N, C-alpha and C. Protein backbone atom coordinates (compact mmCIF):
# COMPACT_ATOMS: atom_id res chain seq x y z
N MET A 1 -10.15 -36.75 -31.65
CA MET A 1 -9.90 -35.36 -31.42
C MET A 1 -9.33 -34.81 -32.60
N LYS A 2 -9.09 -35.68 -33.68
CA LYS A 2 -8.31 -34.87 -34.94
C LYS A 2 -9.57 -34.44 -35.81
N ASN A 3 -10.75 -35.03 -35.52
CA ASN A 3 -11.79 -34.44 -36.25
C ASN A 3 -12.35 -33.07 -35.63
N PHE A 4 -12.32 -33.10 -34.19
CA PHE A 4 -12.53 -31.77 -33.52
C PHE A 4 -11.44 -30.66 -34.24
N ALA A 5 -10.29 -31.02 -34.46
CA ALA A 5 -9.22 -30.25 -34.96
C ALA A 5 -9.52 -29.54 -36.34
N GLN A 6 -9.87 -30.49 -37.09
CA GLN A 6 -10.26 -29.99 -38.41
C GLN A 6 -11.51 -29.12 -38.41
N ASN A 7 -12.60 -29.70 -37.33
CA ASN A 7 -13.90 -28.52 -37.58
C ASN A 7 -13.55 -27.15 -36.96
N ILE A 8 -12.48 -27.30 -36.14
CA ILE A 8 -11.83 -25.88 -35.21
C ILE A 8 -11.12 -25.13 -36.69
N THR A 9 -10.19 -25.94 -37.29
CA THR A 9 -9.62 -25.35 -38.28
C THR A 9 -10.56 -24.82 -39.27
N LEU A 10 -11.48 -25.44 -39.72
CA LEU A 10 -12.58 -25.06 -40.69
C LEU A 10 -13.38 -23.91 -40.16
N ALA A 11 -13.90 -24.16 -39.12
CA ALA A 11 -14.67 -22.68 -38.45
C ALA A 11 -13.84 -21.54 -38.41
N ALA A 12 -12.54 -21.68 -38.13
CA ALA A 12 -11.65 -20.41 -38.01
C ALA A 12 -11.50 -20.13 -39.16
N ALA A 13 -11.36 -20.74 -40.36
CA ALA A 13 -11.27 -20.12 -41.70
C ALA A 13 -12.43 -19.52 -42.28
N MET A 14 -13.62 -20.03 -41.75
CA MET A 14 -14.80 -19.29 -42.17
C MET A 14 -14.95 -17.99 -41.34
N VAL A 15 -14.90 -17.94 -40.03
CA VAL A 15 -14.77 -17.12 -39.33
C VAL A 15 -13.91 -15.78 -40.18
N ALA A 16 -12.95 -15.63 -40.29
CA ALA A 16 -11.89 -15.03 -41.31
C ALA A 16 -12.80 -14.47 -42.48
N VAL A 17 -13.54 -15.18 -42.99
CA VAL A 17 -14.18 -14.72 -44.09
C VAL A 17 -15.58 -14.01 -43.79
N LEU A 18 -16.17 -14.52 -42.58
CA LEU A 18 -17.90 -13.93 -42.22
C LEU A 18 -17.69 -12.32 -42.18
N PRO A 19 -16.69 -11.74 -41.45
CA PRO A 19 -17.01 -10.33 -41.47
C PRO A 19 -17.01 -9.43 -42.67
N TRP A 20 -16.46 -10.13 -43.83
CA TRP A 20 -16.59 -9.49 -45.13
C TRP A 20 -18.02 -10.03 -45.68
N LEU A 21 -18.71 -11.30 -45.71
CA LEU A 21 -19.97 -11.56 -45.98
C LEU A 21 -20.93 -10.97 -45.17
N ALA A 22 -20.62 -10.83 -43.48
CA ALA A 22 -21.75 -10.43 -42.83
C ALA A 22 -21.94 -8.99 -42.25
N GLY A 23 -20.83 -8.20 -43.08
CA GLY A 23 -21.00 -6.64 -43.04
C GLY A 23 -20.71 -6.39 -41.39
N CYS A 24 -19.69 -7.12 -40.95
CA CYS A 24 -19.58 -6.60 -39.27
C CYS A 24 -17.87 -5.91 -39.54
N ALA A 25 -18.16 -5.11 -40.47
CA ALA A 25 -17.05 -4.47 -40.46
C ALA A 25 -16.88 -3.28 -39.18
N THR A 26 -15.69 -2.79 -38.93
CA THR A 26 -15.55 -1.84 -37.78
C THR A 26 -15.30 -0.58 -38.56
N SER A 27 -15.60 -0.61 -39.49
CA SER A 27 -15.39 1.07 -40.37
C SER A 27 -16.63 1.81 -40.20
N GLN A 28 -17.83 1.18 -39.21
CA GLN A 28 -18.84 2.23 -39.15
C GLN A 28 -18.97 3.16 -38.32
N PRO A 29 -19.69 4.16 -38.03
CA PRO A 29 -19.61 5.14 -37.12
C PRO A 29 -19.83 4.50 -35.78
N ALA A 30 -18.85 4.85 -34.79
CA ALA A 30 -19.38 4.46 -33.50
C ALA A 30 -20.30 4.96 -32.95
N GLY A 31 -20.84 4.02 -32.09
CA GLY A 31 -22.36 4.17 -31.36
C GLY A 31 -23.61 4.39 -32.25
N SER A 32 -23.44 3.55 -33.31
CA SER A 32 -24.50 3.34 -34.31
C SER A 32 -25.58 2.20 -34.10
N ALA A 33 -25.28 1.56 -32.78
CA ALA A 33 -26.03 0.57 -32.40
C ALA A 33 -25.63 0.22 -30.97
N THR A 34 -26.65 -0.10 -30.21
CA THR A 34 -26.55 -0.31 -28.91
C THR A 34 -27.01 -1.78 -28.40
N ALA A 35 -26.18 -2.31 -27.36
CA ALA A 35 -26.88 -3.56 -27.19
C ALA A 35 -28.12 -3.45 -26.28
N ALA A 36 -29.44 -3.88 -26.93
CA ALA A 36 -30.33 -3.76 -26.41
C ALA A 36 -30.76 -4.84 -25.09
N PRO A 37 -31.30 -4.53 -24.13
CA PRO A 37 -31.57 -5.82 -23.04
C PRO A 37 -32.23 -6.64 -23.91
N SER A 38 -32.05 -8.05 -23.84
CA SER A 38 -32.34 -9.18 -24.59
C SER A 38 -33.94 -9.34 -24.48
N THR A 39 -34.67 -8.56 -23.46
CA THR A 39 -36.05 -8.94 -23.98
C THR A 39 -36.81 -7.56 -24.58
N ALA A 40 -35.90 -6.83 -24.91
CA ALA A 40 -36.41 -5.47 -25.49
C ALA A 40 -37.14 -5.40 -27.01
N LEU A 41 -36.16 -6.22 -27.69
CA LEU A 41 -36.75 -6.48 -28.92
C LEU A 41 -37.89 -7.43 -29.15
N THR A 42 -38.66 -7.50 -30.29
CA THR A 42 -39.51 -8.25 -30.46
C THR A 42 -39.08 -9.03 -31.99
N GLN A 43 -39.66 -10.42 -31.88
CA GLN A 43 -39.24 -11.39 -33.21
C GLN A 43 -39.71 -10.69 -34.42
N SER A 44 -38.70 -10.76 -35.28
CA SER A 44 -39.04 -10.07 -36.65
C SER A 44 -39.95 -11.16 -37.10
N LYS A 45 -39.55 -12.65 -37.29
CA LYS A 45 -40.59 -13.67 -37.93
C LYS A 45 -39.85 -15.05 -37.18
N PRO A 46 -40.54 -15.81 -37.14
CA PRO A 46 -39.81 -17.27 -36.13
C PRO A 46 -38.99 -17.63 -37.16
N LEU A 47 -37.67 -18.06 -36.57
CA LEU A 47 -36.77 -19.03 -37.16
C LEU A 47 -37.12 -20.18 -37.80
N ASN A 48 -36.78 -20.53 -38.66
CA ASN A 48 -37.22 -21.82 -39.56
C ASN A 48 -36.15 -22.36 -39.85
N VAL A 49 -35.88 -23.22 -38.75
CA VAL A 49 -34.70 -24.23 -39.12
C VAL A 49 -34.80 -25.70 -39.71
N VAL A 50 -34.05 -25.89 -40.62
CA VAL A 50 -34.57 -27.19 -41.15
C VAL A 50 -33.27 -28.31 -40.77
N PHE A 51 -33.87 -29.16 -40.51
CA PHE A 51 -32.89 -30.50 -40.11
C PHE A 51 -32.76 -31.39 -41.17
N GLU A 52 -31.85 -32.28 -41.62
CA GLU A 52 -31.60 -32.81 -42.51
C GLU A 52 -32.63 -34.12 -42.21
N SER A 53 -32.65 -34.52 -41.03
CA SER A 53 -33.42 -35.57 -40.61
C SER A 53 -34.07 -35.41 -39.24
N ALA A 54 -35.35 -35.68 -38.92
CA ALA A 54 -35.87 -35.48 -37.51
C ALA A 54 -35.02 -35.68 -36.56
N ALA A 55 -34.36 -36.82 -36.71
CA ALA A 55 -33.50 -37.30 -35.68
C ALA A 55 -32.32 -36.33 -35.32
N LEU A 56 -32.12 -35.68 -35.95
CA LEU A 56 -31.08 -34.56 -35.64
C LEU A 56 -31.63 -33.47 -34.62
N GLU A 57 -32.66 -33.07 -34.88
CA GLU A 57 -33.20 -32.26 -33.90
C GLU A 57 -33.68 -32.71 -32.51
N SER A 58 -34.04 -34.03 -32.51
CA SER A 58 -34.16 -34.91 -31.51
C SER A 58 -32.80 -35.05 -30.41
N LYS A 59 -31.56 -35.28 -31.26
CA LYS A 59 -30.37 -35.53 -30.81
C LYS A 59 -29.92 -34.31 -30.00
N LEU A 60 -30.36 -33.20 -30.73
CA LEU A 60 -29.89 -31.84 -29.91
C LEU A 60 -30.87 -31.19 -28.73
N ALA A 61 -31.96 -31.69 -28.91
CA ALA A 61 -32.74 -31.73 -27.63
C ALA A 61 -32.61 -32.34 -26.42
N GLN A 62 -32.43 -33.78 -26.87
CA GLN A 62 -31.63 -34.79 -25.80
C GLN A 62 -30.48 -34.41 -25.00
N MET A 63 -29.61 -33.73 -26.07
CA MET A 63 -28.16 -32.98 -25.62
C MET A 63 -28.45 -31.96 -24.59
N GLY A 64 -29.54 -31.00 -24.90
CA GLY A 64 -29.61 -29.88 -24.17
C GLY A 64 -29.27 -28.53 -24.89
N VAL A 65 -29.16 -28.64 -25.76
CA VAL A 65 -28.62 -27.78 -26.77
C VAL A 65 -29.44 -26.74 -27.51
N LEU A 66 -30.57 -27.78 -27.87
CA LEU A 66 -31.61 -27.07 -28.84
C LEU A 66 -32.20 -25.78 -28.32
N THR A 67 -32.62 -25.74 -27.16
CA THR A 67 -33.01 -24.38 -27.04
C THR A 67 -32.15 -23.19 -27.28
N ASN A 68 -30.82 -23.17 -26.66
CA ASN A 68 -29.95 -21.93 -26.56
C ASN A 68 -29.53 -22.01 -28.17
N PHE A 69 -29.27 -22.69 -28.82
CA PHE A 69 -29.15 -22.75 -30.06
C PHE A 69 -30.12 -21.96 -30.95
N LYS A 70 -31.64 -22.29 -30.84
CA LYS A 70 -32.73 -21.74 -31.39
C LYS A 70 -32.75 -20.12 -30.88
N ARG A 71 -32.29 -20.08 -29.82
CA ARG A 71 -32.69 -18.66 -29.13
C ARG A 71 -31.38 -17.87 -29.82
N TYR A 72 -30.22 -18.18 -30.14
CA TYR A 72 -29.10 -17.61 -30.44
C TYR A 72 -29.08 -17.02 -31.86
N TRP A 73 -29.74 -17.96 -32.77
CA TRP A 73 -30.02 -17.70 -34.16
C TRP A 73 -31.25 -16.99 -34.57
N GLN A 74 -32.39 -17.38 -33.50
CA GLN A 74 -33.41 -16.32 -33.53
C GLN A 74 -32.98 -15.01 -33.36
N ALA A 75 -32.13 -14.70 -31.98
CA ALA A 75 -31.62 -13.32 -31.90
C ALA A 75 -30.94 -13.00 -32.89
N HIS A 76 -29.98 -13.61 -33.84
CA HIS A 76 -29.39 -13.41 -35.26
C HIS A 76 -30.48 -12.61 -36.15
N LEU A 77 -31.59 -13.36 -36.19
CA LEU A 77 -32.39 -12.83 -37.46
C LEU A 77 -33.09 -11.73 -36.73
N ASP A 78 -33.42 -11.72 -35.43
CA ASP A 78 -34.02 -10.50 -34.87
C ASP A 78 -33.26 -8.98 -34.69
N ARG A 79 -31.88 -9.31 -35.04
CA ARG A 79 -30.89 -8.49 -34.69
C ARG A 79 -31.07 -8.05 -33.28
N ASN A 80 -31.00 -8.92 -32.46
CA ASN A 80 -30.84 -8.79 -30.97
C ASN A 80 -29.96 -9.24 -30.46
N TRP A 81 -28.62 -8.12 -30.43
CA TRP A 81 -27.40 -8.56 -30.49
C TRP A 81 -27.03 -8.61 -29.01
N GLY A 82 -27.76 -8.14 -27.91
CA GLY A 82 -27.54 -8.18 -26.61
C GLY A 82 -27.97 -9.57 -26.00
N LEU A 83 -28.94 -10.33 -26.68
CA LEU A 83 -29.18 -11.63 -26.10
C LEU A 83 -28.21 -12.53 -26.98
N ARG A 84 -27.85 -12.49 -28.27
CA ARG A 84 -26.79 -13.29 -28.60
C ARG A 84 -25.30 -13.03 -28.00
N TYR A 85 -25.23 -12.03 -27.29
CA TYR A 85 -23.92 -11.65 -26.52
C TYR A 85 -23.92 -12.57 -25.37
N GLU A 86 -25.07 -12.48 -24.68
CA GLU A 86 -25.25 -13.20 -23.48
C GLU A 86 -25.01 -14.60 -23.56
N LEU A 87 -25.24 -15.34 -24.98
CA LEU A 87 -25.04 -16.72 -25.27
C LEU A 87 -23.92 -17.25 -25.96
N GLU A 88 -23.02 -15.81 -25.87
CA GLU A 88 -21.36 -16.64 -26.58
C GLU A 88 -20.70 -16.70 -25.25
N HIS A 89 -19.58 -17.60 -25.82
CA HIS A 89 -18.27 -18.07 -24.94
C HIS A 89 -17.21 -17.81 -25.79
N GLY A 90 -16.06 -17.37 -25.03
CA GLY A 90 -14.64 -17.01 -25.61
C GLY A 90 -14.63 -15.65 -25.86
N ILE A 91 -15.66 -14.73 -25.44
CA ILE A 91 -15.44 -13.24 -25.58
C ILE A 91 -14.83 -13.04 -24.39
N ASP A 92 -13.99 -12.22 -24.02
CA ASP A 92 -13.29 -11.38 -22.71
C ASP A 92 -14.32 -10.24 -22.58
N PRO A 93 -15.13 -10.40 -21.77
CA PRO A 93 -15.98 -9.17 -21.31
C PRO A 93 -15.30 -7.86 -21.10
N GLY A 94 -14.04 -7.86 -20.34
CA GLY A 94 -13.02 -7.05 -19.98
C GLY A 94 -12.57 -6.28 -21.21
N ARG A 95 -12.80 -6.61 -22.63
CA ARG A 95 -11.98 -6.35 -23.49
C ARG A 95 -13.14 -6.12 -24.51
N THR A 96 -14.27 -6.84 -24.70
CA THR A 96 -15.29 -6.73 -25.49
C THR A 96 -16.68 -6.41 -24.88
N ASP A 97 -17.25 -5.48 -24.73
CA ASP A 97 -18.37 -5.36 -23.90
C ASP A 97 -19.56 -5.47 -24.94
N ALA A 98 -20.86 -5.60 -24.24
CA ALA A 98 -21.92 -5.67 -25.12
C ALA A 98 -22.23 -4.78 -26.21
N LYS A 99 -21.99 -3.59 -25.83
CA LYS A 99 -22.09 -2.10 -26.94
C LYS A 99 -21.18 -2.48 -28.08
N PHE A 100 -20.07 -3.00 -27.84
CA PHE A 100 -19.20 -3.02 -29.03
C PHE A 100 -19.84 -4.27 -29.69
N TYR A 101 -20.34 -5.40 -29.23
CA TYR A 101 -20.70 -6.55 -30.16
C TYR A 101 -21.60 -6.12 -30.64
N ALA A 102 -22.58 -5.27 -30.12
CA ALA A 102 -23.62 -4.59 -31.13
C ALA A 102 -23.43 -3.89 -32.16
N ASP A 103 -22.54 -2.88 -31.72
CA ASP A 103 -21.97 -2.13 -32.78
C ASP A 103 -21.49 -3.06 -34.10
N TYR A 104 -20.70 -3.99 -33.60
CA TYR A 104 -19.86 -4.93 -34.62
C TYR A 104 -20.83 -5.46 -35.65
N HIS A 105 -21.94 -5.98 -34.94
CA HIS A 105 -23.02 -6.65 -35.77
C HIS A 105 -24.25 -6.04 -36.50
N ALA A 106 -24.12 -4.82 -36.08
CA ALA A 106 -25.16 -3.64 -36.83
C ALA A 106 -25.40 -3.95 -38.26
N LYS A 107 -24.23 -3.94 -38.83
CA LYS A 107 -24.48 -4.35 -40.65
C LYS A 107 -24.34 -5.84 -40.92
N ALA A 108 -24.52 -6.89 -39.90
CA ALA A 108 -24.60 -8.36 -40.13
C ALA A 108 -25.77 -8.72 -41.49
N TRP A 109 -25.33 -9.29 -42.14
CA TRP A 109 -26.50 -9.87 -43.18
C TRP A 109 -27.29 -10.74 -42.41
N THR A 110 -28.34 -10.29 -43.33
CA THR A 110 -29.88 -11.19 -42.71
C THR A 110 -29.97 -12.71 -43.05
N LEU A 111 -30.17 -13.25 -42.07
CA LEU A 111 -30.49 -14.49 -42.06
C LEU A 111 -31.52 -14.82 -42.99
N LYS A 112 -31.44 -15.55 -43.67
CA LYS A 112 -32.54 -16.05 -44.78
C LYS A 112 -32.97 -17.31 -44.64
N SER A 113 -32.00 -18.31 -44.27
CA SER A 113 -32.41 -19.79 -44.08
C SER A 113 -31.31 -20.55 -43.38
N PHE A 114 -31.74 -21.56 -42.66
CA PHE A 114 -30.69 -21.99 -42.04
C PHE A 114 -31.01 -23.81 -41.84
N LYS A 115 -29.72 -24.66 -42.04
CA LYS A 115 -30.19 -25.84 -42.40
C LYS A 115 -29.02 -26.56 -41.32
N VAL A 116 -29.74 -27.47 -40.64
CA VAL A 116 -28.63 -28.39 -39.96
C VAL A 116 -28.42 -29.86 -40.64
N HIS A 117 -27.02 -30.04 -41.18
CA HIS A 117 -26.74 -31.30 -41.71
C HIS A 117 -26.33 -32.41 -40.83
N ASP A 118 -25.86 -32.15 -39.88
CA ASP A 118 -25.36 -33.37 -38.89
C ASP A 118 -25.04 -32.56 -37.37
N VAL A 119 -25.04 -33.41 -36.51
CA VAL A 119 -24.78 -33.25 -35.10
C VAL A 119 -24.11 -34.12 -34.65
N THR A 120 -22.67 -33.48 -34.05
CA THR A 120 -21.78 -34.70 -33.50
C THR A 120 -21.41 -34.14 -32.07
N LEU A 121 -21.09 -35.09 -31.08
CA LEU A 121 -20.46 -34.75 -29.83
C LEU A 121 -18.97 -35.17 -29.95
N ASP A 122 -18.03 -34.06 -29.49
CA ASP A 122 -16.65 -34.36 -29.76
C ASP A 122 -16.30 -33.76 -28.35
N GLY A 123 -15.87 -34.65 -27.36
CA GLY A 123 -15.34 -34.36 -26.20
C GLY A 123 -16.59 -33.65 -25.60
N LYS A 124 -16.21 -32.22 -24.99
CA LYS A 124 -17.38 -31.39 -24.23
C LYS A 124 -18.04 -30.65 -25.32
N HIS A 125 -17.77 -30.47 -26.55
CA HIS A 125 -18.31 -29.50 -27.89
C HIS A 125 -19.26 -30.58 -28.34
N VAL A 126 -20.37 -29.67 -28.63
CA VAL A 126 -21.56 -30.23 -29.61
C VAL A 126 -21.14 -29.40 -30.87
N ILE A 127 -21.19 -30.16 -31.94
CA ILE A 127 -20.85 -29.45 -33.62
C ILE A 127 -21.79 -29.87 -34.08
N LEU A 128 -22.23 -28.87 -34.62
CA LEU A 128 -23.34 -28.70 -36.00
C LEU A 128 -22.56 -28.70 -37.13
N ASP A 129 -22.82 -29.36 -38.29
CA ASP A 129 -22.65 -28.94 -39.61
C ASP A 129 -23.87 -28.40 -39.91
N VAL A 130 -23.85 -26.95 -40.29
CA VAL A 130 -24.63 -26.04 -40.73
C VAL A 130 -24.65 -25.33 -42.00
N GLU A 131 -25.77 -24.80 -42.61
CA GLU A 131 -25.60 -24.26 -44.06
C GLU A 131 -26.62 -22.93 -43.75
N ARG A 132 -25.99 -21.80 -43.91
CA ARG A 132 -26.93 -20.62 -44.00
C ARG A 132 -27.12 -19.79 -45.09
N ALA A 133 -28.06 -19.38 -45.50
CA ALA A 133 -28.41 -18.43 -46.50
C ALA A 133 -28.35 -17.09 -46.21
N LEU A 134 -27.64 -16.09 -46.31
CA LEU A 134 -27.42 -14.63 -45.94
C LEU A 134 -27.72 -13.85 -46.93
N ALA A 135 -28.41 -12.72 -46.55
CA ALA A 135 -28.76 -11.43 -47.53
C ALA A 135 -27.99 -10.23 -46.98
N ASP A 136 -27.62 -9.59 -48.02
CA ASP A 136 -27.05 -8.02 -47.96
C ASP A 136 -27.99 -7.11 -47.48
N PRO A 137 -28.33 -6.68 -46.33
CA PRO A 137 -29.26 -5.63 -45.68
C PRO A 137 -29.42 -4.46 -46.66
N THR A 138 -28.23 -4.36 -47.52
CA THR A 138 -28.34 -3.03 -48.31
C THR A 138 -28.76 -3.43 -49.88
N GLY A 139 -28.84 -4.84 -50.05
CA GLY A 139 -29.41 -5.20 -51.39
C GLY A 139 -28.40 -4.88 -52.27
N LYS A 140 -26.98 -4.50 -52.11
CA LYS A 140 -26.06 -4.19 -53.00
C LYS A 140 -25.29 -5.46 -53.46
N LYS A 141 -25.29 -6.44 -52.66
CA LYS A 141 -24.38 -7.45 -53.02
C LYS A 141 -25.47 -8.79 -53.26
N ALA A 142 -25.17 -9.98 -53.94
CA ALA A 142 -25.87 -11.09 -53.99
C ALA A 142 -26.06 -11.77 -52.75
N ASP A 143 -26.83 -12.54 -52.56
CA ASP A 143 -27.16 -13.37 -51.62
C ASP A 143 -26.15 -14.23 -51.65
N VAL A 144 -25.46 -15.01 -50.26
CA VAL A 144 -24.59 -16.18 -50.30
C VAL A 144 -24.91 -17.22 -49.20
N THR A 145 -24.65 -18.29 -49.67
CA THR A 145 -24.93 -19.50 -48.70
C THR A 145 -23.49 -20.16 -48.27
N VAL A 146 -23.21 -19.95 -47.16
CA VAL A 146 -22.16 -20.68 -46.15
C VAL A 146 -22.37 -21.85 -45.70
N ARG A 147 -21.42 -22.62 -45.47
CA ARG A 147 -21.57 -24.01 -45.03
C ARG A 147 -20.45 -24.35 -43.91
N ASP A 148 -20.84 -24.49 -42.79
CA ASP A 148 -19.45 -24.30 -41.76
C ASP A 148 -20.16 -24.89 -40.43
N SER A 149 -19.29 -25.11 -39.44
CA SER A 149 -19.39 -25.54 -38.14
C SER A 149 -20.06 -24.69 -37.14
N ASP A 150 -20.93 -24.88 -36.33
CA ASP A 150 -21.43 -24.26 -35.50
C ASP A 150 -21.19 -25.07 -34.06
N ILE A 151 -20.05 -24.35 -33.28
CA ILE A 151 -19.89 -24.79 -31.82
C ILE A 151 -20.48 -24.67 -30.69
N TRP A 152 -20.69 -25.41 -29.84
CA TRP A 152 -21.69 -25.19 -28.44
C TRP A 152 -20.79 -25.92 -27.41
N LEU A 153 -20.75 -24.94 -26.16
CA LEU A 153 -20.06 -25.82 -24.96
C LEU A 153 -21.15 -25.35 -23.88
N GLU A 154 -21.04 -26.31 -22.85
CA GLU A 154 -21.61 -26.52 -21.74
C GLU A 154 -20.85 -25.55 -20.86
N VAL A 155 -21.43 -24.48 -20.11
CA VAL A 155 -20.68 -23.58 -19.49
C VAL A 155 -21.52 -23.06 -18.25
N ASP A 156 -21.00 -23.68 -16.99
CA ASP A 156 -21.75 -23.39 -15.92
C ASP A 156 -23.21 -23.72 -16.08
N GLY A 157 -23.69 -24.84 -16.64
CA GLY A 157 -24.64 -25.53 -16.91
C GLY A 157 -25.67 -24.89 -17.63
N GLN A 158 -24.83 -24.15 -18.61
CA GLN A 158 -25.74 -23.70 -19.86
C GLN A 158 -24.99 -23.71 -21.16
N TRP A 159 -25.60 -23.94 -22.16
CA TRP A 159 -24.89 -24.33 -23.51
C TRP A 159 -24.89 -22.72 -24.02
N LYS A 160 -23.42 -22.56 -24.38
CA LYS A 160 -23.13 -21.04 -25.35
C LYS A 160 -22.51 -21.51 -26.59
N HIS A 161 -22.76 -20.70 -27.38
CA HIS A 161 -21.99 -20.58 -28.32
C HIS A 161 -20.70 -20.38 -28.57
N VAL A 162 -19.75 -21.24 -29.25
CA VAL A 162 -18.39 -20.56 -29.05
C VAL A 162 -17.68 -19.77 -30.38
N ASN A 163 -17.57 -18.57 -29.79
CA ASN A 163 -17.16 -17.45 -30.53
C ASN A 163 -15.87 -17.59 -31.06
N LEU A 164 -15.68 -17.69 -32.18
CA LEU A 164 -14.40 -17.97 -32.84
C LEU A 164 -13.70 -16.78 -33.56
N ASP A 165 -14.69 -15.54 -33.47
CA ASP A 165 -14.35 -14.22 -34.39
C ASP A 165 -12.88 -13.69 -33.78
N SER A 166 -12.07 -13.77 -34.53
CA SER A 166 -10.57 -13.35 -33.77
C SER A 166 -10.96 -11.62 -33.66
N VAL A 167 -11.68 -10.79 -34.20
CA VAL A 167 -11.94 -9.41 -33.77
C VAL A 167 -12.56 -9.19 -32.39
N LEU A 168 -13.53 -10.21 -32.14
CA LEU A 168 -14.26 -10.21 -30.80
C LEU A 168 -13.23 -10.64 -29.92
N LYS A 169 -12.67 -11.53 -29.97
CA LYS A 169 -11.56 -12.12 -29.06
C LYS A 169 -10.09 -11.30 -28.77
N SER A 170 -9.73 -10.79 -29.62
CA SER A 170 -8.44 -9.94 -29.45
C SER A 170 -8.57 -8.53 -29.23
N ARG A 171 -9.56 -7.75 -29.16
CA ARG A 171 -9.74 -6.58 -28.73
C ARG A 171 -9.06 -6.14 -27.22
């Protein structure tokens, strides 16, 4: 449990920095993006997830997380915020709806690469140690690489991404 608490602390610290890195600032004009139905957008290009070892991909598949993990991050690559919203856990839909979620992510940085370094099961959570390279969509800032935890939880028989973003949780 101590390891899980450390991962949550690390993830929460990274979430505090990510709005700055990801361009998810709420200073954009309202209504600049809408939550498209999850089937409305086409893929920009296939998500290329690199696993540090082939065993990690197999482990995720055996746990049942692999499909939604890939759908969630492909949705980021495709800027399909409607699908990502559906795959999130921990957002109160009464306070943060799909439209706000899409508006909030409208300026998100582009996902350039994704690597999984490790996968652990901690209680009911699957925790991935991941590294993402992100590019500023405006081209004004240098690319960044972020390494943090990607946390997943099975909710009603479906694996969902655990959202730790305080803006999306506290509205």
